[in-house]
Amino acid sequence: MGFTENYFASDTITYQQAVMDMEQFSVAGYPGGEKSLAPSTVHRWVRTLSGLLHTTQTALNLIGQEDPATRAYRDLAQLKIATGKFKRPSRKKQLLGCLRLIAVEAFFKATFTLSVFTNLAIRCAFT
């Protein structure tokens, strides 16, 4: 998720820059310094992660049960996507869904010292 988080870090960063900035975390073994990930990888991850709506909602519900005073709901309500990151409303919806999951993952780790992807996503059947 690091590449995807990196993409959201700046309003102007592109998919290619997100991959290049995180290159030190690339998979080793590519000769001649070739990149191990194509910039389109970030695009596909955004689409995939945005589809985990049930996982995101379940994690958010668990956070709310554990800590009723959590800022998670307020922070999620304030998430915005820069207009340069999308051309269609459907892509904006995907970007917001992905960014919500990334934010919920951070709150989940802070609350439970565990990743959403450890068992929760599996129990939610990655939906």
Foldseek 3Di string as FASTA:
>chain_A
DQLLVQCQPDLPDALVNSQVVCQVPADDDDPPPDGRDDSCVSVVVLQLQLVQPVLLVVLVVVLCVQPVPDCLVVVLVPDAHRPVVDDDPVVRSSNSSNVSLVSSQVSSCVRPVDGSPPPVCVVVVSD
